[in-house]
Protein backbone atom coordinates (compact mmCIF):
# COMPACT_ATOMS: atom_id res chain seq x y z
CA MET A 1 -7.35 9.08 30.36
CA ASN A 2 -5.25 10.68 27.66
CA ASP A 3 -5.08 7.97 24.96
CA THR A 4 -4.40 8.79 21.33
CA TYR A 5 -6.53 6.82 18.87
CA ILE A 6 -6.76 7.68 15.18
CA GLU A 7 -7.82 5.57 12.20
CA PHE A 8 -7.13 6.63 8.63
CA LEU A 9 -8.13 4.68 5.51
CA VAL A 10 -6.40 5.15 2.13
CA LYS A 11 -7.50 3.58 -1.15
CA LYS A 12 -4.73 2.76 -3.57
CA PRO A 13 -5.78 3.46 -7.18
CA ASP A 14 -6.08 0.40 -9.38
CA SER A 15 -3.03 -0.31 -11.50
CA LYS A 16 -3.73 0.38 -15.17
CA THR A 17 -1.30 -2.37 -16.15
CA ALA A 18 -3.08 -4.97 -14.02
CA THR A 19 -6.48 -3.92 -15.40
CA LEU A 20 -5.22 -4.07 -19.00
CA LEU A 21 -3.58 -7.46 -18.40
CA HIS A 22 -6.80 -8.77 -16.83
CA ILE A 23 -8.91 -7.69 -19.84
CA LEU A 24 -6.35 -9.05 -22.31
CA MET A 25 -6.16 -12.45 -20.58
CA ILE A 26 -9.94 -12.78 -20.50
CA GLY A 27 -10.24 -11.83 -24.19
CA VAL A 28 -7.48 -14.16 -25.43
CA GLY A 29 -8.65 -16.95 -23.10
CA ALA A 30 -12.24 -16.69 -24.36
CA VAL A 31 -11.11 -16.74 -28.01
CA LEU A 32 -8.83 -19.74 -27.45
CA PHE A 33 -11.58 -21.54 -25.54
CA LEU A 34 -14.14 -21.00 -28.31
CA VAL A 35 -11.70 -21.91 -31.11
CA GLY A 36 -10.63 -24.98 -29.14
CA PHE A 37 -14.21 -26.01 -28.47
CA PHE A 38 -15.40 -25.69 -32.07
CA ILE A 39 -12.30 -26.15 -34.26
CA ASP A 40 -9.19 -27.58 -32.62
CA MET A 41 -9.35 -29.27 -29.20
CA ARG A 42 -5.65 -28.56 -28.55
CA LEU A 43 -6.49 -24.86 -27.96
CA LEU A 44 -9.14 -25.65 -25.35
CA LEU A 45 -6.71 -26.21 -22.46
CA PRO A 46 -4.66 -22.98 -23.01
CA GLY A 47 -7.95 -21.07 -23.18
CA ILE A 48 -9.09 -22.52 -19.84
CA ILE A 49 -5.68 -21.81 -18.28
CA LEU A 50 -5.80 -18.17 -19.43
CA LEU A 51 -9.34 -17.71 -18.13
CA ILE A 52 -8.40 -19.13 -14.74
CA GLY A 53 -5.12 -17.18 -14.74
CA SER A 54 -7.00 -13.93 -15.35
CA ILE A 55 -7.89 -13.97 -11.66
CA ILE A 56 -4.23 -13.34 -10.66
CA PRO A 57 -3.92 -9.70 -11.92
CA ASN A 58 -7.23 -9.00 -10.20
CA LEU A 59 -5.58 -9.72 -6.83
CA PHE A 60 -3.44 -6.59 -7.17
CA THR A 61 -6.38 -4.23 -7.61
CA ASN A 62 -8.77 -2.74 -5.07
CA ILE A 63 -6.22 -2.40 -2.26
CA GLU A 64 -6.72 -0.16 0.76
CA TYR A 65 -4.39 0.66 3.62
CA GLU A 66 -5.65 1.46 7.08
CA TYR A 67 -3.39 3.25 9.53
CA LEU A 68 -4.22 2.93 13.20
CA LEU A 69 -2.40 5.15 15.67
CA LEU A 70 -2.93 3.92 19.21
CA GLU A 71 -0.84 5.69 21.82
CA LYS A 72 2.71 5.43 20.49
CA GLU A 73 2.20 2.57 18.02
CA LEU A 74 1.35 2.83 14.33
CA THR A 75 -0.28 -0.26 12.83
CA VAL A 76 -0.68 -0.66 9.07
CA ASP A 77 -3.33 -3.05 7.70
CA ARG A 78 -3.75 -4.01 4.04
CA ILE A 79 -7.33 -4.69 2.91
CA ARG A 80 -7.86 -6.51 -0.38
CA LYS A 81 -11.21 -6.24 -2.14
CA GLN A 82 -12.79 -4.92 1.09
CA GLU A 83 -12.81 -8.48 2.40
CA LYS A 84 -9.37 -9.72 3.42
CA ARG A 85 -7.58 -7.74 6.12
CA LYS A 86 -3.99 -8.40 7.06
CA THR A 87 -1.80 -6.51 9.49
CA VAL A 88 1.38 -5.86 7.51
CA ALA A 89 3.38 -3.80 10.01
CA ASN A 90 3.54 -2.41 13.55
CA TYR A 91 5.88 0.46 14.32
CA LYS A 92 6.71 1.83 17.76
CA LEU A 93 6.85 5.59 17.41
CA ASP A 94 9.15 5.77 20.42
CA SER A 95 11.91 4.80 17.97
CA MET A 96 10.90 7.42 15.38
CA VAL A 97 13.83 9.48 14.13
CA VAL A 98 12.06 11.93 11.80
CA MET A 99 8.73 12.47 10.03
CA ALA A 100 8.47 14.87 7.09
CA PRO A 101 6.68 15.25 3.75
CA LYS A 102 7.98 12.99 1.02
CA GLY A 103 10.93 14.66 -0.69
CA SER A 104 11.68 17.01 2.20
CA GLU A 105 15.26 18.13 2.85
CA HIS A 106 14.95 16.74 6.39
CA LEU A 107 14.94 13.25 4.84
CA SER A 108 17.96 13.71 2.57
CA ARG A 109 20.38 11.96 4.94
CA TYR A 110 18.09 8.90 5.00
CA ALA A 111 17.67 8.59 1.21
CA GLN A 112 19.85 5.46 1.05
CA LEU A 113 17.59 3.56 3.47
CA LYS A 114 15.13 0.96 2.31
CA ALA A 115 11.67 2.49 1.82
CA ILE A 116 8.45 0.60 2.48
CA ASP A 117 5.50 2.20 0.68
CA TYR A 118 2.06 1.97 2.28
CA SER A 119 0.72 5.03 0.45
CA SER A 120 -1.79 5.46 -2.35
CA GLY A 121 0.97 6.70 -4.65
CA THR A 122 -0.86 9.96 -5.36
CA GLN A 123 -0.08 13.51 -4.25
CA GLU A 124 -3.66 14.02 -2.99
CA GLY A 125 -2.89 11.68 -0.09
CA GLN A 126 -0.23 14.01 1.36
CA PRO A 127 2.54 11.39 1.45
CA PHE A 128 4.84 11.62 4.46
CA GLU A 129 7.91 9.57 5.26
CA ILE A 130 8.65 8.30 8.73
CA VAL A 131 12.13 7.03 9.62
CA VAL A 132 12.09 4.55 12.51
CA ASP A 133 14.64 2.28 14.12
CA GLY A 134 13.57 -1.26 13.27
CA LYS A 135 14.94 -4.69 14.10
CA GLY A 136 17.35 -4.58 11.18
CA GLY A 137 18.29 -0.91 11.46
CA LYS A 138 16.58 2.26 10.30
CA VAL A 139 13.68 2.00 7.84
CA ARG A 140 11.75 4.63 5.84
CA ILE A 141 7.98 4.21 5.82
CA ILE A 142 5.85 6.10 3.29
CA ILE A 143 2.24 6.71 4.34
CA ASP A 144 -0.56 9.04 3.35
CA THR A 145 -1.63 11.37 6.10
CA SER A 146 -4.42 13.57 7.30
CA LYS A 147 -4.13 16.72 9.37
CA GLU A 148 -5.48 14.81 12.38
CA LEU A 149 -2.85 12.07 12.06
CA ILE A 150 0.01 14.55 11.63
CA ASP A 151 -1.15 16.57 14.64
CA ALA A 152 -1.40 13.46 16.82
CA ILE A 153 2.10 12.27 15.93
CA ARG A 154 3.42 15.80 16.34
CA LYS A 155 1.90 15.95 19.80
CA LEU A 156 3.77 12.75 20.72
CA HIS A 157 7.12 13.82 19.15
CA PRO A 158 7.16 17.58 18.57
CA ARG A 159 10.87 17.80 17.69
CA ASP A 160 10.81 14.97 15.15
CA VAL A 161 7.85 16.03 12.95
CA PHE A 162 8.44 18.55 10.18
CA LEU A 163 5.71 19.99 7.96
CA GLN A 164 8.00 21.17 5.14
């Protein structure tokens, strides 16, 4: 049996804006709650709303992407807070047009296409772009890669994978 199976997990760094917003909402909410509790009851409700609302920016932190290459299909899962897993995309690599490092000249003719980013957003992750034919036309997918993942995809489509 000659099946290809590779898993690769990428952690997306926490957004500094979301972290700052979270801290700010907790601080202002706590102050409003305490002032409302001891001085003016009208400030109690906004304080409670801000404290409850401080959970929302926290949803956009601690995100991981898992790439699963099984035979000729790439599955992308998003994992939030190491608890909630959701499959966000499946791509058939039979319809792959090109795969190259992000910013490569091989991708210049596809620059106008919509890009879907499943990468960590850092250069350490070796971001690659994959152009595939989707249901609505061609789509660019940005993923982080490992040498093992690149080699496996290159073995499946040697003419379509570029390393520079």
